[in-house]
Amino acid sequence: MINPQIASNFYFDQRLNMEAVKLLPGEFFVTTRDMVLSTVLGSCVSACIFDNQSGVGGMNHFMLPKGEDDQGIQKECARFGGYAMDILIRELLRNGARKENLVAKVFGGGNVQRAMVSSAIGSQNAKFVKKYLAERGIPILAADLEGECPRKIHFFSKNGRVLQKKLYVSRNDTIVEREQNYSRLLLSAAQPEIQLSSCEN
């Protein structure tokens, strides 16, 4: 059975001249091949994690730090940081990466909806991913988190290189509109005391 949380939007990037896959919110992808993994982030965060010895790399795209059911059990959904990070690392190891070789680059967590800045979901996502990696001893080699601008990320899974482009909200209202749409979709799954913003795809 195909896991719907595994990114499946494959294409050939003409500019980069290589095979690529686009990650949508709530997806992850791990590969041993020489590929580029791309996504666009608003308040969401992506962790790009790779083993620079074996060449195994992967990326996720999560929308909220944690998601728990009524019993306090972590929901198995890659929209939530706890599960998105767990499954990404598990799949990296399953594909031949070694825990002691894993390093990370992290991006996103922008508070891109000025009207909802008090919710600070982007900042919460950024804080979560740094804490998660620190607790597991995975060093962060590079990070660009928070701020007000969405970001477009290209992660080269084989060598860990990342290209980032800042996107200015004032010139791209579509990103804010999609943030608001994701906010509405997540309301039923979110903690009740948190107002949501989410991410563009």
N, C-alpha and C. Protein backbone atom coordinates (compact mmCIF):
# COMPACT_ATOMS: atom_id res chain seq x y z
N MET A 1 0.84 -1.19 0.00
CA MET A 1 0.00 0.00 0.00
C MET A 1 0.88 1.26 0.00
N ILE A 2 0.51 2.23 -0.81
CA ILE A 2 1.25 3.48 -0.89
C ILE A 2 0.93 4.34 0.32
N ASN A 3 1.97 4.87 0.96
CA ASN A 3 1.79 5.77 2.09
C ASN A 3 1.46 7.15 1.55
N PRO A 4 0.25 7.69 1.84
CA PRO A 4 -0.13 8.99 1.28
C PRO A 4 0.72 10.14 1.82
N GLN A 5 1.51 9.89 2.86
CA GLN A 5 2.35 10.94 3.42
C GLN A 5 3.71 11.04 2.72
N ILE A 6 4.00 10.08 1.85
CA ILE A 6 5.24 10.12 1.08
C ILE A 6 5.01 10.96 -0.17
N ALA A 7 5.83 11.97 -0.38
CA ALA A 7 5.67 12.85 -1.54
C ALA A 7 5.70 12.05 -2.83
N SER A 8 4.81 12.38 -3.75
CA SER A 8 4.72 11.62 -5.00
C SER A 8 4.64 12.52 -6.23
N ASN A 9 4.84 13.82 -6.03
CA ASN A 9 4.76 14.77 -7.14
C ASN A 9 6.13 14.88 -7.80
N PHE A 10 6.46 13.90 -8.65
CA PHE A 10 7.76 13.86 -9.31
C PHE A 10 7.76 14.68 -10.59
N TYR A 11 8.90 15.26 -10.90
CA TYR A 11 9.05 16.00 -12.14
C TYR A 11 10.54 16.11 -12.46
N PHE A 12 10.84 16.58 -13.65
CA PHE A 12 12.24 16.82 -14.01
C PHE A 12 12.47 18.32 -14.02
N ASP A 13 13.39 18.77 -13.16
CA ASP A 13 13.69 20.19 -13.06
C ASP A 13 14.64 20.58 -14.18
N GLN A 14 14.12 21.31 -15.15
CA GLN A 14 14.91 21.69 -16.33
C GLN A 14 16.05 22.62 -15.96
N ARG A 15 15.80 23.52 -15.02
CA ARG A 15 16.84 24.48 -14.65
C ARG A 15 18.00 23.82 -13.93
N LEU A 16 17.67 22.89 -13.04
CA LEU A 16 18.71 22.19 -12.29
C LEU A 16 19.21 20.94 -13.01
N ASN A 17 18.47 20.54 -14.06
CA ASN A 17 18.83 19.39 -14.89
C ASN A 17 18.93 18.11 -14.06
N MET A 18 17.88 17.88 -13.25
CA MET A 18 17.88 16.65 -12.47
C MET A 18 16.47 16.28 -12.04
N GLU A 19 16.30 15.03 -11.65
CA GLU A 19 15.03 14.54 -11.16
C GLU A 19 14.68 15.24 -9.86
N ALA A 20 13.40 15.52 -9.67
CA ALA A 20 12.96 16.27 -8.50
C ALA A 20 11.64 15.74 -7.99
N VAL A 21 11.33 16.07 -6.73
CA VAL A 21 10.04 15.77 -6.15
C VAL A 21 9.61 16.96 -5.32
N LYS A 22 8.34 17.33 -5.44
CA LYS A 22 7.80 18.46 -4.69
C LYS A 22 7.05 17.94 -3.47
N LEU A 23 7.40 18.46 -2.30
CA LEU A 23 6.71 18.08 -1.06
C LEU A 23 5.60 19.06 -0.75
N LEU A 24 4.44 18.53 -0.46
CA LEU A 24 3.31 19.31 -0.01
C LEU A 24 3.25 19.24 1.52
N PRO A 25 2.48 20.10 2.15
CA PRO A 25 2.35 20.04 3.61
C PRO A 25 1.89 18.66 4.07
N GLY A 26 2.53 18.16 5.12
CA GLY A 26 2.18 16.86 5.65
C GLY A 26 2.85 15.70 4.94
N GLU A 27 3.85 15.98 4.09
CA GLU A 27 4.55 14.93 3.37
C GLU A 27 6.02 14.87 3.79
N PHE A 28 6.65 13.74 3.47
CA PHE A 28 8.08 13.58 3.65
C PHE A 28 8.60 12.75 2.50
N PHE A 29 9.93 12.74 2.32
CA PHE A 29 10.52 11.93 1.26
C PHE A 29 11.96 11.62 1.62
N VAL A 30 12.35 10.37 1.41
CA VAL A 30 13.72 9.90 1.66
C VAL A 30 14.21 9.19 0.41
N THR A 31 15.46 9.42 0.05
CA THR A 31 16.00 8.79 -1.15
C THR A 31 17.50 8.51 -1.01
N THR A 32 17.93 7.51 -1.74
CA THR A 32 19.36 7.21 -1.87
C THR A 32 19.89 7.71 -3.21
N ARG A 33 19.00 8.25 -4.03
CA ARG A 33 19.38 8.70 -5.38
C ARG A 33 19.79 10.17 -5.36
N ASP A 34 20.38 10.60 -6.46
CA ASP A 34 20.79 11.99 -6.61
C ASP A 34 19.59 12.78 -7.13
N MET A 35 18.87 13.41 -6.21
CA MET A 35 17.64 14.12 -6.54
C MET A 35 17.61 15.46 -5.84
N VAL A 36 16.67 16.30 -6.27
CA VAL A 36 16.40 17.53 -5.54
C VAL A 36 14.98 17.44 -4.96
N LEU A 37 14.86 17.78 -3.68
CA LEU A 37 13.58 17.78 -2.98
C LEU A 37 13.19 19.24 -2.78
N SER A 38 12.02 19.62 -3.21
CA SER A 38 11.64 21.03 -3.17
C SER A 38 10.32 21.23 -2.45
N THR A 39 10.17 22.42 -1.86
CA THR A 39 8.92 22.79 -1.22
C THR A 39 8.89 24.30 -1.02
N VAL A 40 7.71 24.81 -0.67
CA VAL A 40 7.56 26.22 -0.32
C VAL A 40 6.99 26.27 1.09
N LEU A 41 7.60 27.08 1.94
CA LEU A 41 7.26 27.14 3.36
C LEU A 41 6.76 28.52 3.76
N GLY A 42 5.66 28.53 4.49
CA GLY A 42 5.22 29.73 5.16
C GLY A 42 5.56 29.59 6.63
N SER A 43 4.54 29.30 7.44
CA SER A 43 4.79 29.05 8.86
C SER A 43 5.22 27.61 9.13
N CYS A 44 5.11 26.77 8.13
CA CYS A 44 5.57 25.39 8.25
C CYS A 44 7.10 25.35 8.33
N VAL A 45 7.60 24.18 8.73
CA VAL A 45 9.04 23.96 8.80
C VAL A 45 9.39 22.69 8.02
N SER A 46 10.53 22.73 7.35
CA SER A 46 11.11 21.54 6.75
C SER A 46 12.46 21.28 7.38
N ALA A 47 12.68 20.02 7.75
CA ALA A 47 14.00 19.58 8.18
C ALA A 47 14.60 18.78 7.04
N CYS A 48 15.78 19.19 6.59
CA CYS A 48 16.53 18.46 5.57
C CYS A 48 17.64 17.70 6.32
N ILE A 49 17.51 16.40 6.37
CA ILE A 49 18.43 15.59 7.15
C ILE A 49 19.14 14.61 6.22
N PHE A 50 20.45 14.46 6.40
CA PHE A 50 21.19 13.57 5.52
C PHE A 50 22.40 12.98 6.22
N ASP A 51 22.83 11.85 5.68
CA ASP A 51 24.04 11.16 6.11
C ASP A 51 25.09 11.45 5.05
N ASN A 52 26.06 12.30 5.38
CA ASN A 52 27.04 12.69 4.36
C ASN A 52 28.07 11.61 4.07
N GLN A 53 27.97 10.47 4.74
CA GLN A 53 28.85 9.34 4.42
C GLN A 53 28.19 8.41 3.40
N SER A 54 26.93 8.12 3.61
CA SER A 54 26.23 7.16 2.73
C SER A 54 25.49 7.83 1.58
N GLY A 55 25.22 9.13 1.69
CA GLY A 55 24.49 9.84 0.64
C GLY A 55 22.98 9.66 0.73
N VAL A 56 22.48 9.19 1.84
CA VAL A 56 21.04 9.07 2.05
C VAL A 56 20.52 10.40 2.60
N GLY A 57 19.44 10.91 2.00
CA GLY A 57 18.90 12.18 2.47
C GLY A 57 17.40 12.21 2.41
N GLY A 58 16.81 13.09 3.21
CA GLY A 58 15.35 13.21 3.20
C GLY A 58 14.90 14.54 3.76
N MET A 59 13.64 14.84 3.52
CA MET A 59 13.07 16.10 3.96
C MET A 59 11.61 15.88 4.35
N ASN A 60 11.13 16.68 5.30
CA ASN A 60 9.71 16.67 5.64
C ASN A 60 9.14 18.08 5.50
N HIS A 61 7.85 18.21 5.74
CA HIS A 61 7.17 19.50 5.67
C HIS A 61 6.01 19.43 6.66
N PHE A 62 6.24 19.93 7.88
CA PHE A 62 5.19 19.82 8.89
C PHE A 62 4.58 21.17 9.22
N MET A 63 3.35 21.10 9.74
CA MET A 63 2.51 22.28 9.86
C MET A 63 2.35 22.77 11.29
N LEU A 64 2.41 21.86 12.25
CA LEU A 64 2.25 22.19 13.67
C LEU A 64 3.26 21.39 14.47
N PRO A 65 3.69 21.87 15.62
CA PRO A 65 4.69 21.14 16.39
C PRO A 65 4.24 19.74 16.81
N LYS A 66 3.04 19.64 17.39
CA LYS A 66 2.58 18.36 17.92
C LYS A 66 1.10 18.18 17.66
N GLY A 67 0.71 16.93 17.55
CA GLY A 67 -0.70 16.59 17.44
C GLY A 67 -0.98 15.36 18.29
N GLU A 68 -1.90 15.48 19.23
CA GLU A 68 -2.20 14.36 20.12
C GLU A 68 -3.70 14.11 20.15
N ASP A 69 -4.05 12.84 20.35
CA ASP A 69 -5.46 12.51 20.47
C ASP A 69 -5.95 12.75 21.90
N ASP A 70 -7.16 12.33 22.20
CA ASP A 70 -7.75 12.59 23.51
C ASP A 70 -7.00 11.90 24.64
N GLN A 71 -6.25 10.84 24.32
CA GLN A 71 -5.47 10.12 25.32
C GLN A 71 -4.03 10.63 25.43
N GLY A 72 -3.73 11.69 24.70
CA GLY A 72 -2.38 12.25 24.74
C GLY A 72 -1.38 11.49 23.91
N ILE A 73 -1.85 10.62 22.99
CA ILE A 73 -0.97 9.84 22.13
C ILE A 73 -0.71 10.60 20.84
N GLN A 74 0.57 10.65 20.44
CA GLN A 74 0.96 11.35 19.22
C GLN A 74 0.24 10.79 18.00
N LYS A 75 -0.42 11.65 17.24
CA LYS A 75 -1.09 11.21 16.02
C LYS A 75 -0.07 10.85 14.95
N GLU A 76 -0.33 9.76 14.25
CA GLU A 76 0.57 9.31 13.19
C GLU A 76 0.23 10.04 11.90
N CYS A 77 0.62 11.30 11.89
CA CYS A 77 0.32 12.16 10.75
C CYS A 77 1.49 13.12 10.56
N ALA A 78 2.05 13.16 9.36
CA ALA A 78 3.23 13.96 9.10
C ALA A 78 2.95 15.45 9.02
N ARG A 79 1.71 15.86 9.25
CA ARG A 79 1.43 17.30 9.39
C ARG A 79 1.98 17.83 10.71
N PHE A 80 2.21 16.91 11.66
CA PHE A 80 2.65 17.28 12.99
C PHE A 80 4.13 16.97 13.18
N GLY A 81 4.86 17.93 13.78
CA GLY A 81 6.31 17.84 13.86
C GLY A 81 6.83 16.59 14.54
N GLY A 82 6.20 16.18 15.65
CA GLY A 82 6.70 15.02 16.37
C GLY A 82 6.74 13.78 15.49
N TYR A 83 5.64 13.51 14.82
CA TYR A 83 5.60 12.33 13.94
C TYR A 83 6.42 12.56 12.68
N ALA A 84 6.36 13.76 12.11
CA ALA A 84 7.11 14.04 10.87
C ALA A 84 8.61 13.84 11.07
N MET A 85 9.12 14.24 12.22
CA MET A 85 10.54 14.07 12.50
C MET A 85 10.86 12.60 12.78
N ASP A 86 10.01 11.94 13.55
CA ASP A 86 10.24 10.53 13.87
C ASP A 86 10.28 9.67 12.61
N ILE A 87 9.30 9.85 11.74
CA ILE A 87 9.22 8.99 10.56
C ILE A 87 10.34 9.31 9.57
N LEU A 88 10.72 10.58 9.48
CA LEU A 88 11.83 10.93 8.58
C LEU A 88 13.11 10.24 9.02
N ILE A 89 13.43 10.32 10.30
CA ILE A 89 14.66 9.69 10.80
C ILE A 89 14.57 8.18 10.67
N ARG A 90 13.42 7.61 10.97
CA ARG A 90 13.25 6.16 10.86
C ARG A 90 13.49 5.69 9.42
N GLU A 91 12.95 6.43 8.44
CA GLU A 91 13.13 6.04 7.04
C GLU A 91 14.57 6.26 6.56
N LEU A 92 15.23 7.28 7.06
CA LEU A 92 16.65 7.48 6.73
C LEU A 92 17.47 6.28 7.20
N LEU A 93 17.24 5.84 8.42
CA LEU A 93 17.98 4.70 8.96
C LEU A 93 17.62 3.42 8.21
N ARG A 94 16.37 3.28 7.85
CA ARG A 94 15.94 2.08 7.11
C ARG A 94 16.58 2.01 5.73
N ASN A 95 16.92 3.17 5.17
CA ASN A 95 17.54 3.22 3.85
C ASN A 95 19.07 3.23 3.89
N GLY A 96 19.65 3.00 5.06
CA GLY A 96 21.10 2.84 5.15
C GLY A 96 21.86 3.94 5.84
N ALA A 97 21.19 5.00 6.27
CA ALA A 97 21.88 6.06 7.01
C ALA A 97 22.26 5.54 8.40
N ARG A 98 23.28 6.14 9.00
CA ARG A 98 23.68 5.80 10.35
C ARG A 98 23.38 6.97 11.27
N LYS A 99 22.82 6.68 12.42
CA LYS A 99 22.40 7.73 13.34
C LYS A 99 23.53 8.71 13.65
N GLU A 100 24.74 8.20 13.87
CA GLU A 100 25.86 9.05 14.25
C GLU A 100 26.34 9.96 13.12
N ASN A 101 25.91 9.69 11.89
CA ASN A 101 26.33 10.51 10.75
C ASN A 101 25.29 11.55 10.34
N LEU A 102 24.12 11.52 10.96
CA LEU A 102 23.05 12.42 10.53
C LEU A 102 23.33 13.87 10.92
N VAL A 103 23.10 14.76 9.96
CA VAL A 103 23.18 16.20 10.19
C VAL A 103 21.95 16.84 9.55
N ALA A 104 21.63 18.06 9.97
CA ALA A 104 20.39 18.68 9.52
C ALA A 104 20.58 20.12 9.08
N LYS A 105 19.68 20.54 8.19
CA LYS A 105 19.50 21.94 7.83
C LYS A 105 18.00 22.20 7.93
N VAL A 106 17.62 23.30 8.57
CA VAL A 106 16.20 23.52 8.85
C VAL A 106 15.76 24.91 8.37
N PHE A 107 14.52 24.96 7.88
CA PHE A 107 14.03 26.17 7.24
C PHE A 107 12.54 26.36 7.52
N GLY A 108 12.10 27.61 7.43
CA GLY A 108 10.68 27.92 7.55
C GLY A 108 10.34 28.59 8.87
N GLY A 109 9.13 28.35 9.33
CA GLY A 109 8.68 28.95 10.58
C GLY A 109 8.42 30.44 10.49
N GLY A 110 8.11 30.92 9.29
CA GLY A 110 7.84 32.34 9.14
C GLY A 110 6.46 32.71 9.66
N ASN A 111 6.36 33.85 10.33
CA ASN A 111 5.06 34.36 10.76
C ASN A 111 4.53 35.27 9.65
N VAL A 112 4.01 34.63 8.62
CA VAL A 112 3.73 35.35 7.37
C VAL A 112 2.37 36.01 7.34
N GLN A 113 1.50 35.66 8.27
CA GLN A 113 0.19 36.33 8.32
C GLN A 113 0.21 37.38 9.40
N ARG A 114 0.38 38.61 9.01
CA ARG A 114 0.52 39.69 9.99
C ARG A 114 -0.70 39.78 10.91
N ALA A 115 -1.87 39.48 10.38
CA ALA A 115 -3.08 39.58 11.19
C ALA A 115 -3.13 38.50 12.26
N MET A 116 -2.32 37.45 12.09
CA MET A 116 -2.35 36.33 13.03
C MET A 116 -1.02 36.15 13.71
N VAL A 117 -0.20 37.19 13.71
CA VAL A 117 1.16 37.05 14.23
C VAL A 117 1.18 36.68 15.71
N SER A 118 0.12 37.04 16.44
CA SER A 118 0.09 36.71 17.87
C SER A 118 0.06 35.21 18.10
N SER A 119 -0.42 34.44 17.11
CA SER A 119 -0.47 33.00 17.28
C SER A 119 0.93 32.39 17.24
N ALA A 120 1.84 33.01 16.47
CA ALA A 120 3.25 32.62 16.43
C ALA A 120 3.45 31.14 16.16
N ILE A 121 2.60 30.55 15.31
CA ILE A 121 2.79 29.14 14.99
C ILE A 121 4.14 28.92 14.33
N GLY A 122 4.56 29.85 13.46
CA GLY A 122 5.87 29.72 12.83
C GLY A 122 6.98 29.64 13.85
N SER A 123 6.93 30.51 14.84
CA SER A 123 7.95 30.50 15.89
C SER A 123 7.90 29.22 16.71
N GLN A 124 6.70 28.72 16.97
CA GLN A 124 6.57 27.47 17.70
C GLN A 124 7.16 26.30 16.92
N ASN A 125 6.90 26.28 15.61
CA ASN A 125 7.48 25.23 14.76
C ASN A 125 9.00 25.30 14.77
N ALA A 126 9.55 26.53 14.69
CA ALA A 126 11.00 26.71 14.67
C ALA A 126 11.62 26.25 15.99
N LYS A 127 10.99 26.64 17.09
CA LYS A 127 11.49 26.23 18.40
C LYS A 127 11.44 24.72 18.56
N PHE A 128 10.35 24.12 18.08
CA PHE A 128 10.19 22.67 18.20
C PHE A 128 11.30 21.92 17.47
N VAL A 129 11.56 22.30 16.21
CA VAL A 129 12.52 21.51 15.42
C VAL A 129 13.93 21.63 16.00
N LYS A 130 14.29 22.79 16.52
CA LYS A 130 15.62 22.94 17.14
C LYS A 130 15.73 22.09 18.39
N LYS A 131 14.68 22.09 19.21
CA LYS A 131 14.69 21.30 20.44
C LYS A 131 14.73 19.81 20.12
N TYR A 132 13.96 19.38 19.16
CA TYR A 132 13.90 17.96 18.78
C TYR A 132 15.27 17.46 18.36
N LEU A 133 15.93 18.21 17.48
CA LEU A 133 17.23 17.78 16.98
C LEU A 133 18.30 17.81 18.07
N ALA A 134 18.24 18.82 18.93
CA ALA A 134 19.21 18.90 20.02
C ALA A 134 19.07 17.71 20.96
N GLU A 135 17.85 17.34 21.27
CA GLU A 135 17.62 16.22 22.18
C GLU A 135 18.10 14.90 21.61
N ARG A 136 18.18 14.79 20.30
CA ARG A 136 18.61 13.56 19.67
C ARG A 136 20.04 13.61 19.16
N GLY A 137 20.72 14.69 19.48
CA GLY A 137 22.14 14.80 19.14
C GLY A 137 22.42 14.92 17.65
N ILE A 138 21.46 15.47 16.90
CA ILE A 138 21.66 15.68 15.47
C ILE A 138 22.03 17.14 15.25
N PRO A 139 23.26 17.42 14.85
CA PRO A 139 23.68 18.82 14.71
C PRO A 139 22.99 19.53 13.56
N ILE A 140 22.71 20.81 13.76
CA ILE A 140 22.14 21.66 12.71
C ILE A 140 23.29 22.41 12.04
N LEU A 141 23.53 22.10 10.77
CA LEU A 141 24.61 22.75 10.04
C LEU A 141 24.22 24.12 9.51
N ALA A 142 22.94 24.30 9.23
CA ALA A 142 22.47 25.59 8.71
C ALA A 142 20.99 25.72 9.06
N ALA A 143 20.56 26.97 9.28
CA ALA A 143 19.16 27.22 9.60
C ALA A 143 18.76 28.61 9.13
N ASP A 144 17.54 28.70 8.63
CA ASP A 144 16.95 30.00 8.34
C ASP A 144 15.49 29.89 8.77
N LEU A 145 15.19 30.43 9.94
CA LEU A 145 13.90 30.24 10.57
C LEU A 145 13.27 31.57 10.98
N GLU A 146 11.94 31.56 11.07
CA GLU A 146 11.14 32.71 11.50
C GLU A 146 11.21 33.86 10.50
N GLY A 147 11.02 35.08 10.95
CA GLY A 147 10.91 36.20 10.02
C GLY A 147 9.50 36.29 9.45
N GLU A 148 9.33 37.08 8.41
CA GLU A 148 8.00 37.31 7.83
C GLU A 148 7.86 36.79 6.41
N CYS A 149 8.94 36.29 5.81
CA CYS A 149 8.90 35.89 4.41
C CYS A 149 8.75 34.38 4.24
N PRO A 150 7.88 33.96 3.34
CA PRO A 150 7.89 32.56 2.92
C PRO A 150 9.21 32.24 2.21
N ARG A 151 9.49 30.95 2.07
CA ARG A 151 10.75 30.51 1.46
C ARG A 151 10.48 29.37 0.49
N LYS A 152 11.20 29.37 -0.60
CA LYS A 152 11.22 28.23 -1.51
C LYS A 152 12.55 27.51 -1.30
N ILE A 153 12.48 26.19 -1.06
CA ILE A 153 13.66 25.40 -0.72
C ILE A 153 13.92 24.34 -1.77
N HIS A 154 15.17 24.19 -2.17
CA HIS A 154 15.62 23.06 -2.98
C HIS A 154 16.72 22.35 -2.20
N PHE A 155 16.47 21.09 -1.84
CA PHE A 155 17.43 20.31 -1.06
C PHE A 155 18.00 19.20 -1.93
N PHE A 156 19.32 19.21 -2.09
CA PHE A 156 20.01 18.20 -2.88
C PHE A 156 20.37 17.04 -1.95
N SER A 157 19.61 15.97 -2.05
CA SER A 157 19.65 14.92 -1.04
C SER A 157 20.98 14.17 -0.97
N LYS A 158 21.71 14.15 -2.06
CA LYS A 158 22.94 13.35 -2.09
C LYS A 158 24.08 14.02 -1.34
N ASN A 159 24.16 15.36 -1.42
CA ASN A 159 25.29 16.05 -0.78
C ASN A 159 24.87 17.06 0.29
N GLY A 160 23.56 17.23 0.48
CA GLY A 160 23.08 18.11 1.53
C GLY A 160 23.04 19.58 1.19
N ARG A 161 23.36 19.94 -0.06
CA ARG A 161 23.32 21.36 -0.43
C ARG A 161 21.88 21.85 -0.48
N VAL A 162 21.66 23.11 -0.10
CA VAL A 162 20.32 23.70 -0.12
C VAL A 162 20.37 25.04 -0.84
N LEU A 163 19.43 25.25 -1.74
CA LEU A 163 19.20 26.56 -2.35
C LEU A 163 17.91 27.12 -1.76
N GLN A 164 17.95 28.35 -1.32
CA GLN A 164 16.77 28.98 -0.73
C GLN A 164 16.48 30.30 -1.43
N LYS A 165 15.19 30.54 -1.67
CA LYS A 165 14.77 31.82 -2.23
C LYS A 165 13.69 32.39 -1.33
N LYS A 166 13.87 33.63 -0.87
CA LYS A 166 12.86 34.31 -0.07
C LYS A 166 11.76 34.83 -1.01
N LEU A 167 10.53 34.65 -0.58
CA LEU A 167 9.37 35.11 -1.35
C LEU A 167 8.68 36.21 -0.55
N TYR A 168 8.44 37.33 -1.17
CA TYR A 168 7.90 38.47 -0.45
C TYR A 168 6.38 38.47 -0.51
N VAL A 169 5.76 38.41 0.66
CA VAL A 169 4.31 38.27 0.77
C VAL A 169 3.58 39.39 0.05
N SER A 170 4.12 40.61 0.13
CA SER A 170 3.45 41.75 -0.50
C SER A 170 3.29 41.56 -2.00
N ARG A 171 4.10 40.69 -2.58
CA ARG A 171 4.03 40.44 -4.02
C ARG A 171 3.44 39.07 -4.33
N ASN A 172 3.00 38.35 -3.31
CA ASN A 172 2.47 37.01 -3.54
C ASN A 172 1.35 36.73 -2.55
N ASP A 173 0.17 37.31 -2.80
CA ASP A 173 -0.96 37.13 -1.90
C ASP A 173 -1.43 35.69 -1.87
N THR A 174 -1.10 34.90 -2.91
CA THR A 174 -1.52 33.50 -2.95
C THR A 174 -1.00 32.73 -1.75
N ILE A 175 0.21 33.03 -1.32
CA ILE A 175 0.79 32.32 -0.19
C ILE A 175 -0.02 32.55 1.07
N VAL A 176 -0.41 33.80 1.32
CA VAL A 176 -1.20 34.10 2.50
C VAL A 176 -2.56 33.43 2.41
N GLU A 177 -3.18 33.44 1.22
CA GLU A 177 -4.48 32.80 1.04
C GLU A 177 -4.39 31.32 1.35
N ARG A 178 -3.32 30.68 0.89
CA ARG A 178 -3.17 29.25 1.15
C ARG A 178 -2.88 28.98 2.62
N GLU A 179 -2.13 29.87 3.25
CA GLU A 179 -1.92 29.75 4.70
C GLU A 179 -3.27 29.73 5.41
N GLN A 180 -4.15 30.62 5.04
CA GLN A 180 -5.45 30.71 5.69
C GLN A 180 -6.29 29.46 5.41
N ASN A 181 -6.19 28.93 4.19
CA ASN A 181 -6.93 27.70 3.86
C ASN A 181 -6.45 26.53 4.70
N TYR A 182 -5.14 26.39 4.85
CA TYR A 182 -4.60 25.32 5.68
C TYR A 182 -5.00 25.51 7.14
N SER A 183 -5.07 26.77 7.57
CA SER A 183 -5.49 27.05 8.94
C SER A 183 -6.89 26.47 9.19
N ARG A 184 -7.79 26.71 8.26
CA ARG A 184 -9.16 26.21 8.43
C ARG A 184 -9.20 24.70 8.42
N LEU A 185 -8.39 24.06 7.56
CA LEU A 185 -8.37 22.60 7.48
C LEU A 185 -7.86 21.96 8.76
N LEU A 186 -6.96 22.66 9.46
CA LEU A 186 -6.34 22.08 10.64
C LEU A 186 -7.08 22.39 11.94
N LEU A 187 -8.05 23.25 11.91
CA LEU A 187 -8.70 23.67 13.15
C LEU A 187 -9.21 22.50 13.98
N SER A 188 -9.76 21.50 13.32
CA SER A 188 -10.33 20.37 14.05
C SER A 188 -9.27 19.51 14.71
N ALA A 189 -8.00 19.58 14.20
CA ALA A 189 -6.94 18.74 14.75
C ALA A 189 -6.01 19.49 15.68
N ALA A 190 -6.18 20.81 15.78
CA ALA A 190 -5.23 21.61 16.54
C ALA A 190 -5.59 21.69 18.01
N GLN A 191 -4.62 22.09 18.82
CA GLN A 191 -4.89 22.36 20.22
C GLN A 191 -5.83 23.56 20.29
N PRO A 192 -6.84 23.53 21.16
CA PRO A 192 -7.87 24.57 21.14
C PRO A 192 -7.37 25.95 21.50
N GLU A 193 -6.27 26.07 22.25
CA GLU A 193 -5.82 27.38 22.67
C GLU A 193 -4.93 28.07 21.64
N ILE A 194 -4.68 27.39 20.51
CA ILE A 194 -3.76 27.94 19.51
C ILE A 194 -4.53 28.39 18.29
N GLN A 195 -4.28 29.62 17.86
CA GLN A 195 -4.78 30.07 16.57
C GLN A 195 -3.75 29.64 15.54
N LEU A 196 -4.24 29.24 14.37
CA LEU A 196 -3.34 28.61 13.41
C LEU A 196 -2.98 29.50 12.25
N SER A 197 -1.75 29.33 11.79
CA SER A 197 -1.39 29.69 10.43
C SER A 197 -0.67 28.48 9.90
N SER A 198 -0.61 28.36 8.58
CA SER A 198 0.03 27.17 8.05
C SER A 198 0.83 27.51 6.81
N CYS A 199 0.88 26.59 5.83
CA CYS A 199 1.91 26.77 4.82
C CYS A 199 1.41 26.67 3.39
N GLU A 200 2.15 27.34 2.52
CA GLU A 200 1.88 27.36 1.11
C GLU A 200 2.51 26.14 0.48
N ASN A 201 1.93 25.65 -0.61
CA ASN A 201 2.59 24.54 -1.29
C ASN A 201 2.95 24.92 -2.71
